Amino acid sequence: MKEYESMVKLNLVDSLQKESGSSKRPPILTADRLLEQNKRALINDPNYSGKRKLCQLERHQRLHILYEAGKIRKCLLSYFLLVSKDRRLKLLRWMGSKLAEHIDMPALYDLEQIPLRLAKIPANYSIGGDKGFTGIEHHLPNCNFTDTPPGVVNSKKERLSKEQIEAEIPITTVRGACETVFKRIVNEESLREKIPY
């Protein structure tokens, strides 16, 4: 919440400086400040420690119980909680949570590994992206193929050929579903917060 309030204050200062006509504004976000914010974001990662992961899994289980009881309306988050229920309960039981006392203690080899960040994308899946994501395969943990529409050097002078436009239809069609999900995340109140797992 403090980060949000500081960003609102920075935006207010920026808008006031724009109104005053000041052409030379000092940089509000310094390199040190940015580094500090990045460190805080990494520490807030639920995978930073077992205790944080346990808190996150328990919160997900409590939300799932509320969804099943009909106290919270169904949405994309409720679907995620439903499909991850078995894995979550095994982890909760193994970590000693009281929310999973009703299931048998799983063996260590029964627990699924928790992939982090981009490693969550299975190796045999390709990734759709904008023109700027061309050739990033070697940066991905599983070296996933990246489908990107063809780009032009100067969009004001150059245009795509008919063949290029027809070739990008399957790529942009798949990305349409992603754009719809992004829009829902913005509009759905229960999906506005980041769900990193």
Protein backbone atom coordinates (compact mmCIF):
# COMPACT_ATOMS: atom_id res chain seq x y z
CA MET A 1 0.00 0.00 0.00
CA LYS A 2 2.89 2.37 0.77
CA GLU A 3 4.32 1.82 -2.72
CA TYR A 4 0.94 2.68 -4.25
CA GLU A 5 0.66 5.87 -2.18
CA SER A 6 4.19 6.95 -3.13
CA MET A 7 3.40 6.35 -6.82
CA VAL A 8 0.24 8.45 -6.51
CA LYS A 9 2.28 11.25 -4.92
CA LEU A 10 4.90 11.03 -7.68
CA ASN A 11 2.17 11.24 -10.33
CA LEU A 12 0.69 14.27 -8.59
CA VAL A 13 4.08 16.03 -8.49
CA ASP A 14 4.62 15.18 -12.15
CA SER A 15 1.23 16.57 -13.19
CA LEU A 16 1.80 19.76 -11.16
CA GLN A 17 5.17 20.29 -12.86
CA LYS A 18 3.58 19.78 -16.27
CA GLU A 19 0.92 22.39 -15.44
CA SER A 20 3.54 24.88 -14.29
CA GLY A 21 5.27 24.59 -17.68
CA SER A 22 8.61 23.57 -16.25
CA SER A 23 10.47 21.98 -19.19
CA LYS A 24 13.44 20.75 -17.13
CA ARG A 25 12.20 18.55 -14.32
CA PRO A 26 14.55 16.69 -12.00
CA PRO A 27 14.25 12.89 -12.24
CA ILE A 28 11.73 11.82 -9.62
CA LEU A 29 12.70 8.14 -9.80
CA THR A 30 16.40 7.85 -9.13
CA ALA A 31 18.48 4.72 -9.74
CA ASP A 32 18.80 4.13 -5.98
CA ARG A 33 15.06 4.45 -5.47
CA LEU A 34 14.38 2.03 -8.32
CA LEU A 35 16.86 -0.48 -6.89
CA GLU A 36 15.18 -0.21 -3.49
CA GLN A 37 11.73 -0.82 -5.04
CA ASN A 38 13.04 -3.86 -6.94
CA LYS A 39 14.53 -5.35 -3.76
CA ARG A 40 11.23 -4.85 -1.92
CA ALA A 41 9.33 -6.53 -4.76
CA LEU A 42 11.65 -9.56 -4.65
CA ILE A 43 11.30 -9.88 -0.87
CA ASN A 44 7.49 -9.75 -1.21
CA ASP A 45 7.56 -12.73 -3.58
CA PRO A 46 5.56 -15.60 -1.97
CA ASN A 47 8.29 -18.02 -3.09
CA TYR A 48 10.89 -16.03 -1.13
CA SER A 49 10.47 -18.29 1.92
CA GLY A 50 8.50 -21.35 3.03
CA LYS A 51 6.56 -19.25 5.53
CA ARG A 52 5.39 -16.84 2.82
CA LYS A 53 4.47 -19.75 0.55
CA LEU A 54 2.44 -21.33 3.35
CA CYS A 55 0.57 -18.03 3.93
CA GLN A 56 -0.20 -17.77 0.22
CA LEU A 57 -1.43 -21.38 -0.05
CA GLU A 58 -3.62 -20.98 3.06
CA ARG A 59 -5.13 -17.79 1.65
CA HIS A 60 -5.89 -19.61 -1.61
CA GLN A 61 -7.50 -22.51 0.29
CA ARG A 62 -9.68 -20.15 2.38
CA LEU A 63 -10.79 -18.37 -0.81
CA HIS A 64 -11.56 -21.73 -2.43
CA ILE A 65 -13.73 -22.72 0.56
CA LEU A 66 -15.64 -19.44 0.25
CA TYR A 67 -16.16 -19.99 -3.49
CA GLU A 68 -17.47 -23.51 -2.89
CA ALA A 69 -19.83 -22.21 -0.19
CA GLY A 70 -21.21 -19.64 -2.66
CA LYS A 71 -20.16 -16.67 -0.53
CA ILE A 72 -17.94 -15.22 -3.28
CA ARG A 73 -19.02 -15.20 -6.92
CA LYS A 74 -17.30 -17.40 -9.47
CA CYS A 75 -14.57 -15.90 -11.66
CA LEU A 76 -11.23 -16.80 -13.27
CA LEU A 77 -9.60 -16.90 -9.86
CA SER A 78 -12.13 -19.47 -8.63
CA TYR A 79 -11.32 -21.65 -11.65
CA PHE A 80 -7.59 -21.42 -10.88
CA LEU A 81 -8.25 -22.37 -7.24
CA LEU A 82 -10.36 -25.35 -8.35
CA VAL A 83 -7.78 -26.80 -10.76
CA SER A 84 -4.92 -26.31 -8.28
CA LYS A 85 -6.86 -27.74 -5.31
CA ASP A 86 -5.24 -31.21 -5.14
CA ARG A 87 -1.70 -29.87 -5.48
CA ARG A 88 -2.39 -27.11 -2.95
CA LEU A 89 -3.87 -29.50 -0.37
CA LYS A 90 -0.87 -31.86 -0.63
CA LEU A 91 1.53 -28.98 -0.07
CA LEU A 92 -0.55 -27.62 2.81
CA ARG A 93 -0.67 -31.03 4.50
CA TRP A 94 3.07 -31.55 4.06
CA MET A 95 3.74 -28.05 5.48
CA GLY A 96 1.59 -28.82 8.55
CA SER A 97 -1.37 -26.53 7.86
CA LYS A 98 -4.58 -27.13 9.83
CA LEU A 99 -6.57 -26.44 6.64
CA ALA A 100 -5.46 -29.82 5.21
CA GLU A 101 -5.60 -32.07 8.27
CA HIS A 102 -8.34 -34.15 6.65
CA ILE A 103 -6.03 -35.64 3.97
CA ASP A 104 -3.25 -38.20 4.38
CA MET A 105 0.33 -36.98 4.71
CA PRO A 106 1.89 -37.15 1.23
CA ALA A 107 5.38 -38.53 0.68
CA LEU A 108 8.00 -36.06 -0.50
CA TYR A 109 8.05 -37.60 -3.99
CA ASP A 110 4.26 -37.13 -4.25
CA LEU A 111 4.65 -33.36 -4.01
CA GLU A 112 4.81 -31.52 -7.30
CA GLN A 113 7.72 -29.20 -7.92
CA ILE A 114 6.82 -25.53 -7.90
CA PRO A 115 8.27 -23.89 -11.02
CA LEU A 116 9.14 -20.23 -10.68
CA ARG A 117 8.34 -17.39 -13.07
CA LEU A 118 8.97 -18.26 -16.74
CA ALA A 119 9.81 -21.88 -15.87
CA LYS A 120 6.05 -22.34 -15.40
CA ILE A 121 5.67 -22.44 -19.20
CA PRO A 122 6.01 -26.09 -20.34
CA ALA A 123 8.89 -26.76 -22.74
CA ASN A 124 6.66 -27.91 -25.61
CA TYR A 125 4.53 -24.73 -25.61
CA SER A 126 5.22 -21.76 -27.86
CA ILE A 127 4.75 -18.20 -26.64
CA GLY A 128 2.88 -15.47 -28.50
CA GLY A 129 4.28 -11.98 -28.21
CA ASP A 130 4.47 -8.54 -29.76
CA LYS A 131 7.04 -7.57 -32.39
CA GLY A 132 9.60 -6.63 -29.73
CA PHE A 133 9.78 -10.21 -28.42
CA THR A 134 11.37 -11.69 -31.53
CA GLY A 135 14.39 -13.91 -30.82
CA ILE A 136 14.08 -14.15 -27.04
CA GLU A 137 14.02 -17.97 -26.96
CA HIS A 138 17.48 -18.27 -25.39
CA HIS A 139 16.37 -16.06 -22.48
CA LEU A 140 13.53 -18.46 -21.51
CA PRO A 141 14.30 -21.33 -19.06
CA ASN A 142 12.70 -23.95 -21.32
CA CYS A 143 13.82 -22.33 -24.62
CA ASN A 144 10.21 -21.99 -25.78
CA PHE A 145 9.62 -20.95 -29.40
CA THR A 146 8.26 -17.40 -29.67
CA ASP A 147 5.56 -16.60 -32.25
CA THR A 148 5.65 -12.90 -33.10
CA PRO A 149 4.03 -11.00 -35.97
CA PRO A 150 6.43 -9.61 -38.61
CA GLY A 151 7.64 -6.09 -37.96
CA VAL A 152 8.70 -3.24 -40.21
CA VAL A 153 11.63 -0.92 -39.61
CA ASN A 154 9.68 2.29 -40.15
CA SER A 155 5.91 1.91 -39.92
CA LYS A 156 5.30 5.42 -41.38
CA LYS A 157 7.15 4.66 -44.64
CA GLU A 158 6.94 0.87 -44.93
CA ARG A 159 3.90 -1.38 -44.96
CA LEU A 160 3.52 -5.12 -44.51
CA SER A 161 3.00 -7.17 -47.65
CA LYS A 162 -0.19 -9.15 -48.23
CA GLU A 163 1.70 -12.39 -47.49
CA GLN A 164 3.02 -11.01 -44.16
CA ILE A 165 -0.45 -9.89 -43.10
CA GLU A 166 -1.95 -13.30 -43.97
CA ALA A 167 0.91 -15.06 -42.13
CA GLU A 168 0.28 -13.12 -38.92
CA ILE A 169 -3.46 -13.91 -38.73
CA PRO A 170 -2.97 -17.17 -36.74
CA ILE A 171 -0.56 -15.39 -34.36
CA THR A 172 -2.82 -12.39 -33.71
CA THR A 173 -5.91 -14.62 -33.41
CA VAL A 174 -4.30 -16.52 -30.52
CA ARG A 175 -3.19 -13.26 -28.91
CA GLY A 176 -6.78 -12.00 -29.05
CA ALA A 177 -7.73 -14.39 -26.25
CA CYS A 178 -4.83 -13.08 -24.14
CA GLU A 179 -5.93 -9.48 -24.67
CA THR A 180 -9.44 -10.47 -23.53
CA VAL A 181 -8.02 -12.03 -20.35
CA PHE A 182 -5.90 -8.92 -19.69
CA LYS A 183 -9.03 -6.76 -20.05
CA ARG A 184 -10.93 -8.99 -17.61
CA ILE A 185 -8.07 -8.72 -15.12
CA VAL A 186 -8.41 -4.94 -15.29
CA ASN A 187 -12.21 -5.02 -15.01
CA GLU A 188 -12.67 -7.87 -12.51
CA GLU A 189 -12.18 -6.53 -9.00
CA SER A 190 -11.09 -9.93 -7.65
CA LEU A 191 -8.39 -10.25 -10.34
CA ARG A 192 -6.74 -6.84 -10.05
CA GLU A 193 -4.12 -7.98 -7.56
CA LYS A 194 -1.17 -10.01 -8.78
CA ILE A 195 -1.51 -13.78 -8.29
CA PRO A 196 2.06 -14.98 -8.79
CA TYR A 197 1.51 -18.72 -8.36
